[in-house]
Amino acid sequence: MDVLGTQGGEGMAKATDLNEQIIQNLEDSGINSEMITQFFKAFQNGDIDSQRNLLVKQKCRLIDQLHTKQKQIDSLDYLIFRLKL
């Protein structure tokens, strides 16, 4: 079984490639090395709930950042609109 809880079967090299892909995806998602370590420790302990919670928390952080950036864009749009008057 790999870190996502799926059955392998293609051999060790494939599992390693999958784990490397998962690490890359976690990094691309803004997850730091400490959280990646936690993710894999949870896998080793069979704790899928902890893996899921870690991913959901990161998603919430990203959504919060998105909302903050949207507010900043809205403020700029307002100023640009006011300058046109």
PDB file of N, CA and C in Angstrom:
ATOM      1  N   MET A   1       0.841  -1.171   0.000  1.00  0.00           N
ATOM      2  CA  MET A   1       0.000   0.000   0.000  1.00  0.00           C
ATOM      3  C   MET A   1       0.890   1.239   0.000  1.00  0.00           C
ATOM      4  N   ASP A   2       0.495   2.268  -0.750  1.00  0.00           N
ATOM      5  CA  ASP A   2       1.284   3.500  -0.789  1.00  0.00           C
ATOM      6  C   ASP A   2       0.707   4.518   0.190  1.00  0.00           C
ATOM      7  N   VAL A   3       1.304   5.697   0.238  1.00  0.00           N
ATOM      8  CA  VAL A   3       0.900   6.696   1.223  1.00  0.00           C
ATOM      9  C   VAL A   3      -0.519   7.214   1.029  1.00  0.00           C
ATOM     10  N   LEU A   4      -1.104   6.950  -0.102  1.00  0.00           N
ATOM     11  CA  LEU A   4      -2.489   7.357  -0.331  1.00  0.00           C
ATOM     12  C   LEU A   4      -3.462   6.236  -0.015  1.00  0.00           C
ATOM     13  N   GLY A   5      -2.928   5.101   0.440  1.00  0.00           N
ATOM     14  CA  GLY A   5      -3.784   4.002   0.839  1.00  0.00           C
ATOM     15  C   GLY A   5      -4.241   3.122  -0.304  1.00  0.00           C
ATOM     16  N   THR A   6      -3.584   3.212  -1.463  1.00  0.00           N
ATOM     17  CA  THR A   6      -3.962   2.377  -2.594  1.00  0.00           C
ATOM     18  C   THR A   6      -3.018   1.196  -2.691  1.00  0.00           C
ATOM     19  N   GLN A   7      -3.487   0.115  -3.266  1.00  0.00           N
ATOM     20  CA  GLN A   7      -2.662  -1.072  -3.446  1.00  0.00           C
ATOM     21  C   GLN A   7      -1.756  -0.876  -4.648  1.00  0.00           C
ATOM     22  N   GLY A   8      -0.507  -1.245  -4.464  1.00  0.00           N
ATOM     23  CA  GLY A   8       0.466  -1.124  -5.556  1.00  0.00           C
ATOM     24  C   GLY A   8       0.406  -2.343  -6.447  1.00  0.00           C
ATOM     25  N   GLY A   9       1.515  -3.042  -6.531  1.00  0.00           N
ATOM     26  CA  GLY A   9       1.536  -4.234  -7.346  1.00  0.00           C
ATOM     27  C   GLY A   9       2.511  -4.141  -8.488  1.00  0.00           C
ATOM     28  N   GLU A  10       2.971  -2.941  -8.810  1.00  0.00           N
ATOM     29  CA  GLU A  10       3.917  -2.789  -9.903  1.00  0.00           C
ATOM     30  C   GLU A  10       5.357  -2.879  -9.429  1.00  0.00           C
ATOM     31  N   GLY A  11       5.607  -3.101  -8.154  1.00  0.00           N
ATOM     32  CA  GLY A  11       6.970  -3.247  -7.660  1.00  0.00           C
ATOM     33  C   GLY A  11       7.451  -2.036  -6.907  1.00  0.00           C
ATOM     34  N   MET A  12       8.612  -2.191  -6.290  1.00  0.00           N
ATOM     35  CA  MET A  12       9.171  -1.153  -5.436  1.00  0.00           C
ATOM     36  C   MET A  12       9.488   0.129  -6.192  1.00  0.00           C
ATOM     37  N   ALA A  13      10.038   0.030  -7.369  1.00  0.00           N
ATOM     38  CA  ALA A  13      10.410   1.233  -8.117  1.00  0.00           C
ATOM     39  C   ALA A  13       9.187   2.101  -8.360  1.00  0.00           C
ATOM     40  N   LYS A  14       8.093   1.481  -8.685  1.00  0.00           N
ATOM     41  CA  LYS A  14       6.866   2.229  -8.942  1.00  0.00           C
ATOM     42  C   LYS A  14       6.391   2.928  -7.674  1.00  0.00           C
ATOM     43  N   ALA A  15       6.450   2.221  -6.534  1.00  0.00           N
ATOM     44  CA  ALA A  15       6.031   2.820  -5.268  1.00  0.00           C
ATOM     45  C   ALA A  15       6.922   4.013  -4.933  1.00  0.00           C
ATOM     46  N   THR A  16       8.223   3.888  -5.138  1.00  0.00           N
ATOM     47  CA  THR A  16       9.136   4.988  -4.884  1.00  0.00           C
ATOM     48  C   THR A  16       8.795   6.165  -5.788  1.00  0.00           C
ATOM     49  N   ASP A  17       8.544   5.879  -7.054  1.00  0.00           N
ATOM     50  CA  ASP A  17       8.165   6.949  -7.973  1.00  0.00           C
ATOM     51  C   ASP A  17       6.889   7.632  -7.501  1.00  0.00           C
ATOM     52  N   LEU A  18       5.929   6.843  -7.029  1.00  0.00           N
ATOM     53  CA  LEU A  18       4.671   7.404  -6.544  1.00  0.00           C
ATOM     54  C   LEU A  18       4.919   8.263  -5.313  1.00  0.00           C
ATOM     55  N   ASN A  19       5.738   7.781  -4.388  1.00  0.00           N
ATOM     56  CA  ASN A  19       6.044   8.577  -3.198  1.00  0.00           C
ATOM     57  C   ASN A  19       6.738   9.876  -3.572  1.00  0.00           C
ATOM     58  N   GLU A  20       7.642   9.831  -4.535  1.00  0.00           N
ATOM     59  CA  GLU A  20       8.308  11.054  -5.002  1.00  0.00           C
ATOM     60  C   GLU A  20       7.297  12.008  -5.625  1.00  0.00           C
ATOM     61  N   GLN A  21       6.343  11.464  -6.350  1.00  0.00           N
ATOM     62  CA  GLN A  21       5.299  12.301  -6.942  1.00  0.00           C
ATOM     63  C   GLN A  21       4.431  12.929  -5.852  1.00  0.00           C
ATOM     64  N   ILE A  22       4.162  12.152  -4.812  1.00  0.00           N
ATOM     65  CA  ILE A  22       3.356  12.671  -3.705  1.00  0.00           C
ATOM     66  C   ILE A  22       4.110  13.787  -2.994  1.00  0.00           C
ATOM     67  N   ILE A  23       5.402  13.583  -2.745  1.00  0.00           N
ATOM     68  CA  ILE A  23       6.218  14.629  -2.122  1.00  0.00           C
ATOM     69  C   ILE A  23       6.195  15.890  -2.972  1.00  0.00           C
ATOM     70  N   GLN A  24       6.362  15.746  -4.269  1.00  0.00           N
ATOM     71  CA  GLN A  24       6.337  16.902  -5.162  1.00  0.00           C
ATOM     72  C   GLN A  24       4.993  17.602  -5.103  1.00  0.00           C
ATOM     73  N   ASN A  25       3.909  16.828  -5.077  1.00  0.00           N
ATOM     74  CA  ASN A  25       2.576  17.410  -5.012  1.00  0.00           C
ATOM     75  C   ASN A  25       2.361  18.137  -3.697  1.00  0.00           C
ATOM     76  N   LEU A  26       2.839  17.559  -2.602  1.00  0.00           N
ATOM     77  CA  LEU A  26       2.726  18.219  -1.304  1.00  0.00           C
ATOM     78  C   LEU A  26       3.501  19.536  -1.307  1.00  0.00           C
ATOM     79  N   GLU A  27       4.719  19.508  -1.846  1.00  0.00           N
ATOM     80  CA  GLU A  27       5.517  20.739  -1.935  1.00  0.00           C
ATOM     81  C   GLU A  27       4.832  21.766  -2.818  1.00  0.00           C
ATOM     82  N   ASP A  28       4.284  21.325  -3.946  1.00  0.00           N
ATOM     83  CA  ASP A  28       3.579  22.236  -4.855  1.00  0.00           C
ATOM     84  C   ASP A  28       2.349  22.848  -4.189  1.00  0.00           C
ATOM     85  N   SER A  29       1.824  22.151  -3.181  1.00  0.00           N
ATOM     86  CA  SER A  29       0.650  22.626  -2.445  1.00  0.00           C
ATOM     87  C   SER A  29       1.019  23.568  -1.309  1.00  0.00           C
ATOM     88  N   GLY A  30       2.329  23.843  -1.181  1.00  0.00           N
ATOM     89  CA  GLY A  30       2.782  24.762  -0.150  1.00  0.00           C
ATOM     90  C   GLY A  30       3.026  24.110   1.199  1.00  0.00           C
ATOM     91  N   ILE A  31       3.052  22.802   1.227  1.00  0.00           N
ATOM     92  CA  ILE A  31       3.279  22.081   2.476  1.00  0.00           C
ATOM     93  C   ILE A  31       4.781  22.003   2.723  1.00  0.00           C
ATOM     94  N   ASN A  32       5.205  22.412   3.931  1.00  0.00           N
ATOM     95  CA  ASN A  32       6.631  22.456   4.243  1.00  0.00           C
ATOM     96  C   ASN A  32       7.171  21.069   4.607  1.00  0.00           C
ATOM     97  N   SER A  33       8.483  20.981   4.752  1.00  0.00           N
ATOM     98  CA  SER A  33       9.125  19.680   4.972  1.00  0.00           C
ATOM     99  C   SER A  33       8.692  19.043   6.288  1.00  0.00           C
ATOM    100  N   GLU A  34       8.452  19.857   7.314  1.00  0.00           N
ATOM    101  CA  GLU A  34       7.989  19.301   8.590  1.00  0.00           C
ATOM    102  C   GLU A  34       6.622  18.630   8.436  1.00  0.00           C
ATOM    103  N   MET A  35       5.731  19.281   7.702  1.00  0.00           N
ATOM    104  CA  MET A  35       4.401  18.716   7.491  1.00  0.00           C
ATOM    105  C   MET A  35       4.466  17.476   6.592  1.00  0.00           C
ATOM    106  N   ILE A  36       5.387  17.471   5.638  1.00  0.00           N
ATOM    107  CA  ILE A  36       5.565  16.295   4.787  1.00  0.00           C
ATOM    108  C   ILE A  36       6.013  15.113   5.634  1.00  0.00           C
ATOM    109  N   THR A  37       6.930  15.373   6.568  1.00  0.00           N
ATOM    110  CA  THR A  37       7.378  14.318   7.483  1.00  0.00           C
ATOM    111  C   THR A  37       6.200  13.799   8.300  1.00  0.00           C
ATOM    112  N   GLN A  38       5.365  14.697   8.791  1.00  0.00           N
ATOM    113  CA  GLN A  38       4.177  14.288   9.549  1.00  0.00           C
ATOM    114  C   GLN A  38       3.246  13.439   8.686  1.00  0.00           C
ATOM    115  N   PHE A  39       3.104  13.832   7.431  1.00  0.00           N
ATOM    116  CA  PHE A  39       2.241  13.099   6.499  1.00  0.00           C
ATOM    117  C   PHE A  39       2.716  11.650   6.354  1.00  0.00           C
ATOM    118  N   PHE A  40       4.023  11.468   6.163  1.00  0.00           N
ATOM    119  CA  PHE A  40       4.560  10.123   5.982  1.00  0.00           C
ATOM    120  C   PHE A  40       4.586   9.334   7.290  1.00  0.00           C
ATOM    121  N   LYS A  41       4.772  10.007   8.438  1.00  0.00           N
ATOM    122  CA  LYS A  41       4.688   9.315   9.734  1.00  0.00           C
ATOM    123  C   LYS A  41       3.275   8.803   9.958  1.00  0.00           C
ATOM    124  N   ALA A  42       2.311   9.612   9.600  1.00  0.00           N
ATOM    125  CA  ALA A  42       0.918   9.183   9.722  1.00  0.00           C
ATOM    126  C   ALA A  42       0.665   7.956   8.853  1.00  0.00           C
ATOM    127  N   PHE A  43       1.250   7.934   7.664  1.00  0.00           N
ATOM    128  CA  PHE A  43       1.122   6.769   6.793  1.00  0.00           C
ATOM    129  C   PHE A  43       1.715   5.534   7.453  1.00  0.00           C
ATOM    130  N   GLN A  44       2.923   5.683   8.007  1.00  0.00           N
ATOM    131  CA  GLN A  44       3.587   4.553   8.652  1.00  0.00           C
ATOM    132  C   GLN A  44       2.777   4.017   9.820  1.00  0.00           C
ATOM    133  N   ASN A  45       2.028   4.899  10.481  1.00  0.00           N
ATOM    134  CA  ASN A  45       1.191   4.488  11.609  1.00  0.00           C
ATOM    135  C   ASN A  45      -0.204   4.050  11.172  1.00  0.00           C
ATOM    136  N   GLY A  46      -0.464   4.078   9.873  1.00  0.00           N
ATOM    137  CA  GLY A  46      -1.781   3.697   9.365  1.00  0.00           C
ATOM    138  C   GLY A  46      -2.863   4.705   9.711  1.00  0.00           C
ATOM    139  N   ASP A  47      -2.471   5.942   9.931  1.00  0.00           N
ATOM    140  CA  ASP A  47      -3.388   6.986  10.382  1.00  0.00           C
ATOM    141  C   ASP A  47      -3.833   7.855   9.206  1.00  0.00           C
ATOM    142  N   ILE A  48      -4.765   7.344   8.445  1.00  0.00           N
ATOM    143  CA  ILE A  48      -5.271   8.059   7.265  1.00  0.00           C
ATOM    144  C   ILE A  48      -5.985   9.338   7.675  1.00  0.00           C
ATOM    145  N   ASP A  49      -6.657   9.324   8.833  1.00  0.00           N
ATOM    146  CA  ASP A  49      -7.360  10.522   9.297  1.00  0.00           C
ATOM    147  C   ASP A  49      -6.387  11.689   9.500  1.00  0.00           C
ATOM    148  N   SER A  50      -5.212  11.407  10.070  1.00  0.00           N
ATOM    149  CA  SER A  50      -4.215  12.467  10.255  1.00  0.00           C
ATOM    150  C   SER A  50      -3.705  12.986   8.924  1.00  0.00           C
ATOM    151  N   GLN A  51      -3.518  12.086   7.961  1.00  0.00           N
ATOM    152  CA  GLN A  51      -3.104  12.518   6.624  1.00  0.00           C
ATOM    153  C   GLN A  51      -4.154  13.451   6.040  1.00  0.00           C
ATOM    154  N   ARG A  52      -5.398  13.036   6.124  1.00  0.00           N
ATOM    155  CA  ARG A  52      -6.497  13.830   5.570  1.00  0.00           C
ATOM    156  C   ARG A  52      -6.584  15.181   6.281  1.00  0.00           C
ATOM    157  N   ASN A  53      -6.477  15.174   7.617  1.00  0.00           N
ATOM    158  CA  ASN A  53      -6.552  16.426   8.378  1.00  0.00           C
ATOM    159  C   ASN A  53      -5.451  17.390   7.975  1.00  0.00           C
ATOM    160  N   LEU A  54      -4.248  16.885   7.788  1.00  0.00           N
ATOM    161  CA  LEU A  54      -3.136  17.733   7.369  1.00  0.00           C
ATOM    162  C   LEU A  54      -3.444  18.396   6.029  1.00  0.00           C
ATOM    163  N   LEU A  55      -3.974  17.631   5.093  1.00  0.00           N
ATOM    164  CA  LEU A  55      -4.298  18.168   3.772  1.00  0.00           C
ATOM    165  C   LEU A  55      -5.439  19.183   3.843  1.00  0.00           C
ATOM    166  N   VAL A  56      -6.441  18.889   4.650  1.00  0.00           N
ATOM    167  CA  VAL A  56      -7.579  19.798   4.787  1.00  0.00           C
ATOM    168  C   VAL A  56      -7.146  21.107   5.440  1.00  0.00           C
ATOM    169  N   LYS A  57      -6.274  21.038   6.458  1.00  0.00           N
ATOM    170  CA  LYS A  57      -5.775  22.257   7.096  1.00  0.00           C
ATOM    171  C   LYS A  57      -5.009  23.117   6.100  1.00  0.00           C
ATOM    172  N   GLN A  58      -4.196  22.474   5.265  1.00  0.00           N
ATOM    173  CA  GLN A  58      -3.449  23.242   4.264  1.00  0.00           C
ATOM    174  C   GLN A  58      -4.407  23.879   3.261  1.00  0.00           C
ATOM    175  N   LYS A  59      -5.429  23.144   2.882  1.00  0.00           N
ATOM    176  CA  LYS A  59      -6.417  23.700   1.950  1.00  0.00           C
ATOM    177  C   LYS A  59      -7.091  24.925   2.568  1.00  0.00           C
ATOM    178  N   CYS A  60      -7.433  24.854   3.848  1.00  0.00           N
ATOM    179  CA  CYS A  60      -8.055  25.993   4.526  1.00  0.00           C
ATOM    180  C   CYS A  60      -7.114  27.184   4.584  1.00  0.00           C
ATOM    181  N   ARG A  61      -5.825  26.923   4.847  1.00  0.00           N
ATOM    182  CA  ARG A  61      -4.840  28.018   4.858  1.00  0.00           C
ATOM    183  C   ARG A  61      -4.770  28.689   3.489  1.00  0.00           C
ATOM    184  N   LEU A  62      -4.766  27.881   2.440  1.00  0.00           N
ATOM    185  CA  LEU A  62      -4.694  28.441   1.091  1.00  0.00           C
ATOM    186  C   LEU A  62      -5.947  29.242   0.754  1.00  0.00           C
ATOM    187  N   ILE A  63      -7.097  28.758   1.174  1.00  0.00           N
ATOM    188  CA  ILE A  63      -8.349  29.486   0.924  1.00  0.00           C
ATOM    189  C   ILE A  63      -8.339  30.815   1.668  1.00  0.00           C
ATOM    190  N   ASP A  64      -7.844  30.817   2.914  1.00  0.00           N
ATOM    191  CA  ASP A  64      -7.733  32.076   3.667  1.00  0.00           C
ATOM    192  C   ASP A  64      -6.823  33.056   2.945  1.00  0.00           C
ATOM    193  N   GLN A  65      -5.697  32.564   2.435  1.00  0.00           N
ATOM    194  CA  GLN A  65      -4.777  33.428   1.687  1.00  0.00           C
ATOM    195  C   GLN A  65      -5.445  33.970   0.429  1.00  0.00           C
ATOM    196  N   LEU A  66      -6.204  33.120  -0.235  1.00  0.00           N
ATOM    197  CA  LEU A  66      -6.922  33.536  -1.437  1.00  0.00           C
ATOM    198  C   LEU A  66      -7.899  34.661  -1.118  1.00  0.00           C
ATOM    199  N   HIS A  67      -8.634  34.526  -0.016  1.00  0.00           N
ATOM    200  CA  HIS A  67      -9.595  35.562   0.368  1.00  0.00           C
ATOM    201  C   HIS A  67      -8.882  36.873   0.699  1.00  0.00           C
ATOM    202  N   THR A  68      -7.747  36.777   1.371  1.00  0.00           N
ATOM    203  CA  THR A  68      -6.966  37.979   1.683  1.00  0.00           C
ATOM    204  C   THR A  68      -6.511  38.664   0.403  1.00  0.00           C
ATOM    205  N   LYS A  69      -5.995  37.892  -0.533  1.00  0.00           N
ATOM    206  CA  LYS A  69      -5.536  38.468  -1.814  1.00  0.00           C
ATOM    207  C   LYS A  69      -6.707  39.077  -2.576  1.00  0.00           C
ATOM    208  N   GLN A  70      -7.877  38.430  -2.523  1.00  0.00           N
ATOM    209  CA  GLN A  70      -9.044  38.964  -3.216  1.00  0.00           C
ATOM    210  C   GLN A  70      -9.450  40.315  -2.637  1.00  0.00           C
ATOM    211  N   LYS A  71      -9.383  40.446  -1.322  1.00  0.00           N
ATOM    212  CA  LYS A  71      -9.697  41.728  -0.692  1.00  0.00           C
ATOM    213  C   LYS A  71      -8.711  42.812  -1.143  1.00  0.00           C
ATOM    214  N   GLN A  72      -7.441  42.440  -1.267  1.00  0.00           N
ATOM    215  CA  GLN A  72      -6.442  43.397  -1.732  1.00  0.00           C
ATOM    216  C   GLN A  72      -6.723  43.823  -3.164  1.00  0.00           C
ATOM    217  N   ILE A  73      -7.097  42.884  -3.987  1.00  0.00           N
ATOM    218  CA  ILE A  73      -7.444  43.191  -5.384  1.00  0.00           C
ATOM    219  C   ILE A  73      -8.676  44.093  -5.430  1.00  0.00           C
ATOM    220  N   ASP A  74      -9.663  43.795  -4.599  1.00  0.00           N
ATOM    221  CA  ASP A  74     -10.867  44.620  -4.552  1.00  0.00           C
ATOM    222  C   ASP A  74     -10.534  46.060  -4.149  1.00  0.00           C
ATOM    223  N   SER A  75      -9.616  46.216  -3.195  1.00  0.00           N
ATOM    224  CA  SER A  75      -9.204  47.562  -2.776  1.00  0.00           C
ATOM    225  C   SER A  75      -8.541  48.313  -3.921  1.00  0.00           C
ATOM    226  N   LEU A  76      -7.676  47.632  -4.643  1.00  0.00           N
ATOM    227  CA  LEU A  76      -7.033  48.258  -5.802  1.00  0.00           C
ATOM    228  C   LEU A  76      -8.043  48.613  -6.877  1.00  0.00           C
ATOM    229  N   ASP A  77      -8.973  47.713  -7.136  1.00  0.00           N
ATOM    230  CA  ASP A  77     -10.012  47.994  -8.129  1.00  0.00           C
ATOM    231  C   ASP A  77     -10.811  49.239  -7.754  1.00  0.00           C
ATOM    232  N   TYR A  78     -11.111  49.374  -6.457  1.00  0.00           N
ATOM    233  CA  TYR A  78     -11.854  50.544  -6.006  1.00  0.00           C
ATOM    234  C   TYR A  78     -11.048  51.822  -6.247  1.00  0.00           C
ATOM    235  N   LEU A  79      -9.766  51.796  -5.894  1.00  0.00           N
ATOM    236  CA  LEU A  79      -8.927  52.982  -6.111  1.00  0.00           C
ATOM    237  C   LEU A  79      -8.804  53.314  -7.590  1.00  0.00           C
ATOM    238  N   ILE A  80      -8.636  52.309  -8.420  1.00  0.00           N
ATOM    239  CA  ILE A  80      -8.558  52.544  -9.867  1.00  0.00           C
ATOM    240  C   ILE A  80      -9.869  53.149 -10.365  1.00  0.00           C
ATOM    241  N   PHE A  81     -10.999  52.657  -9.886  1.00  0.00           N
ATOM    242  CA  PHE A  81     -12.308  53.193 -10.260  1.00  0.00           C
ATOM    243  C   PHE A  81     -12.423  54.663  -9.830  1.00  0.00           C
ATOM    244  N   ARG A  82     -12.013  54.970  -8.584  1.00  0.00           N
ATOM    245  CA  ARG A  82     -12.107  56.332  -8.079  1.00  0.00           C
ATOM    246  C   ARG A  82     -11.231  57.298  -8.872  1.00  0.00           C
ATOM    247  N   LEU A  83     -10.086  56.818  -9.343  1.00  0.00           N
ATOM    248  CA  LEU A  83      -9.192  57.688 -10.116  1.00  0.00           C
ATOM    249  C   LEU A  83      -9.773  58.021 -11.494  1.00  0.00           C
ATOM    250  N   LYS A  84     -10.661  57.200 -11.976  1.00  0.00           N
ATOM    251  CA  LYS A  84     -11.269  57.441 -13.291  1.00  0.00           C
ATOM    252  C   LYS A  84     -12.342  58.499 -13.238  1.00  0.00           C
ATOM    253  N   LEU A  85     -12.873  58.810 -12.051  1.00  0.00           N
ATOM    254  CA  LEU A  85     -13.966  59.786 -11.933  1.00  0.00           C
ATOM    255  C   LEU A  85     -13.505  61.194 -12.151  1.00  0.00           C
TER     256      LEU A  85
END
